[in-house]
Amino acid sequence: MTQGTPGRRIVVGVDGSPSSNAALRWAARQAELTGASLDAVTGWEYPASYGWGGTMIDGDFAALAGKVLADAVAAELGAEPPVTVRERVLNGNAATVLLDAAHGADLLVLGNRGHGGFTQALLGSVGQHCVQHADCPVVIVRGPQEV
């Protein structure tokens, strides 16, 4: 593993979807080429409930999100990634978490669609929001089945 150049940082959003896995690979290669470190970020929220009755939610959502992130990093970058990778599991709306994590970064990298609803959309709502509001350049990577 190479050490990143001090101050150079690339943030990549990871949710385990094919396009986020492609974004993770692309971001790692870009970090390697530029000497940057890589922040692999995933966000999680408690599921919304509806109705009058109280709903008991059983589960450690942060741990589940962390497992998805760790599994994706291991599967896509191997046991010894070529760059410094920091895995970050953050509570909050995905777009907000990614924008906050990317503040001061050199680049934000996202897949074009995550696990969200409209599979025919060219760009998901999180990516659209981040492209419009990030204070750093944003790269959108298409998944392998979409190329």
Protein backbone atom coordinates (compact mmCIF):
# COMPACT_ATOMS: atom_id res chain seq x y z
CA MET A 1 0.00 0.00 0.00
CA THR A 2 1.32 3.44 -0.87
CA GLN A 3 0.88 6.39 1.41
CA GLY A 4 -1.21 9.24 0.08
CA THR A 5 0.25 12.68 -0.51
CA PRO A 6 -0.51 14.83 2.55
CA GLY A 7 -3.72 16.76 1.99
CA ARG A 8 -4.79 14.94 -1.17
CA ARG A 9 -8.03 13.07 -0.62
CA ILE A 10 -10.64 11.38 -2.80
CA VAL A 11 -14.05 10.46 -1.39
CA VAL A 12 -16.08 7.63 -2.89
CA GLY A 13 -19.66 6.67 -2.03
CA VAL A 14 -20.16 2.94 -1.53
CA ASP A 15 -23.50 1.15 -1.09
CA GLY A 16 -22.65 -2.26 -2.52
CA SER A 17 -24.44 -1.66 -5.84
CA PRO A 18 -22.64 -2.55 -9.10
CA SER A 19 -22.15 1.09 -10.04
CA SER A 20 -20.79 2.03 -6.58
CA ASN A 21 -18.37 -0.91 -6.81
CA ALA A 22 -17.23 0.41 -10.19
CA ALA A 23 -16.86 3.87 -8.64
CA LEU A 24 -14.76 2.37 -5.83
CA ARG A 25 -12.39 0.73 -8.32
CA TRP A 26 -12.16 3.93 -10.38
CA ALA A 27 -11.53 6.08 -7.30
CA ALA A 28 -8.81 3.74 -6.02
CA ARG A 29 -7.03 3.87 -9.37
CA GLN A 30 -7.31 7.68 -9.47
CA ALA A 31 -5.97 7.89 -5.90
CA GLU A 32 -3.05 5.66 -6.89
CA LEU A 33 -2.27 7.84 -9.94
CA THR A 34 -2.46 11.12 -8.01
CA GLY A 35 -0.99 10.05 -4.68
CA ALA A 36 -4.22 10.74 -2.81
CA SER A 37 -5.73 8.82 0.07
CA LEU A 38 -9.19 7.33 -0.35
CA ASP A 39 -12.18 7.77 1.94
CA ALA A 40 -14.76 5.05 1.21
CA VAL A 41 -18.01 6.37 2.69
CA THR A 42 -21.40 4.84 3.31
CA GLY A 43 -24.38 6.42 5.02
CA TRP A 44 -27.19 4.80 6.92
CA GLU A 45 -30.50 5.89 8.43
CA TYR A 46 -33.12 4.23 10.57
CA PRO A 47 -35.93 3.00 8.31
CA ALA A 48 -38.97 5.24 8.18
CA SER A 49 -42.12 3.84 9.72
CA TYR A 50 -45.69 4.88 9.14
CA GLY A 51 -49.07 4.51 10.74
CA TRP A 52 -50.29 4.97 14.29
CA GLY A 53 -48.74 1.94 15.90
CA GLY A 54 -45.24 1.97 17.30
CA THR A 55 -42.77 -0.11 15.39
CA MET A 56 -39.93 -1.87 17.07
CA ILE A 57 -36.84 -1.78 14.93
CA ASP A 58 -34.36 -4.47 15.76
CA GLY A 59 -30.97 -4.24 14.15
CA ASP A 60 -27.66 -2.52 14.29
CA PHE A 61 -27.91 -0.54 11.06
CA ALA A 62 -24.47 1.03 11.47
CA ALA A 63 -22.91 -2.44 11.76
CA LEU A 64 -24.84 -3.67 8.72
CA ALA A 65 -23.75 -0.65 6.68
CA GLY A 66 -20.17 -1.15 7.88
CA LYS A 67 -20.25 -4.78 6.73
CA VAL A 68 -21.50 -3.78 3.28
CA LEU A 69 -18.71 -1.21 3.05
CA ALA A 70 -15.97 -3.55 4.31
CA ASP A 71 -17.13 -6.36 2.00
CA ALA A 72 -17.14 -4.03 -1.02
CA VAL A 73 -13.66 -2.66 -0.24
CA ALA A 74 -12.27 -6.18 0.25
CA ALA A 75 -13.95 -7.55 -2.89
CA GLU A 76 -13.01 -4.65 -5.16
CA LEU A 77 -9.57 -3.63 -3.82
CA GLY A 78 -8.27 -6.82 -2.21
CA ALA A 79 -6.74 -7.48 1.18
CA GLU A 80 -3.95 -4.95 0.63
CA PRO A 81 -5.26 -2.01 -1.42
CA PRO A 82 -2.69 -0.07 -3.45
CA VAL A 83 -3.65 3.16 -1.63
CA THR A 84 -4.50 4.24 1.90
CA VAL A 85 -8.22 3.55 2.37
CA ARG A 86 -10.23 4.87 5.28
CA GLU A 87 -13.67 3.27 5.66
CA ARG A 88 -16.25 5.69 7.07
CA VAL A 89 -19.74 4.66 8.17
CA LEU A 90 -21.82 7.78 8.87
CA ASN A 91 -25.37 8.26 10.07
CA GLY A 92 -27.59 10.41 7.90
CA ASN A 93 -29.13 10.91 4.49
CA ALA A 94 -26.78 9.56 1.80
CA ALA A 95 -26.46 12.82 -0.13
CA THR A 96 -25.83 14.88 3.02
CA VAL A 97 -23.30 12.38 4.37
CA LEU A 98 -21.40 12.35 1.07
CA LEU A 99 -21.37 16.12 0.71
CA ASP A 100 -20.13 16.56 4.28
CA ALA A 101 -17.45 13.89 3.81
CA ALA A 102 -16.31 15.48 0.54
CA HIS A 103 -15.90 18.95 2.03
CA GLY A 104 -12.27 19.89 1.38
CA ALA A 105 -11.63 16.79 -0.77
CA ASP A 106 -9.99 16.89 -4.18
CA LEU A 107 -12.71 14.76 -5.75
CA LEU A 108 -16.01 13.01 -5.00
CA VAL A 109 -16.67 9.79 -6.93
CA LEU A 110 -20.11 8.15 -7.14
CA GLY A 111 -21.82 5.42 -9.06
CA ASN A 112 -24.57 6.66 -11.34
CA ARG A 113 -27.26 4.64 -9.52
CA GLY A 114 -27.39 2.95 -6.17
CA HIS A 115 -29.96 0.55 -4.79
CA GLY A 116 -32.72 3.14 -5.17
CA GLY A 117 -36.03 2.81 -6.93
CA PHE A 118 -35.87 3.92 -10.56
CA THR A 119 -33.56 1.45 -12.25
CA GLN A 120 -34.00 3.05 -15.67
CA ALA A 121 -32.81 6.47 -14.47
CA LEU A 122 -29.48 7.60 -15.92
CA LEU A 123 -28.52 9.27 -12.64
CA GLY A 124 -29.95 8.58 -9.20
CA SER A 125 -31.23 11.23 -6.81
CA VAL A 126 -28.16 11.08 -4.54
CA GLY A 127 -25.80 11.55 -7.48
CA GLN A 128 -27.93 14.36 -8.88
CA HIS A 129 -27.95 16.17 -5.54
CA CYS A 130 -24.20 15.75 -5.06
CA VAL A 131 -23.40 16.97 -8.59
CA GLN A 132 -25.42 20.11 -7.94
CA HIS A 133 -24.16 20.88 -4.43
CA ALA A 134 -20.61 19.52 -3.95
CA ASP A 135 -17.83 22.02 -3.34
CA CYS A 136 -15.33 19.81 -5.18
CA PRO A 137 -15.34 18.15 -8.60
CA VAL A 138 -17.64 15.11 -8.91
CA VAL A 139 -17.10 12.07 -11.14
CA ILE A 140 -20.03 9.78 -11.90
CA VAL A 141 -19.07 6.21 -12.84
CA ARG A 142 -21.45 3.91 -14.66
CA GLY A 143 -21.76 0.30 -13.57
CA PRO A 144 -20.27 -2.46 -15.74
CA GLN A 145 -23.65 -3.59 -17.11
CA GLU A 146 -24.42 -0.07 -18.32
CA VAL A 147 -21.30 0.62 -20.37
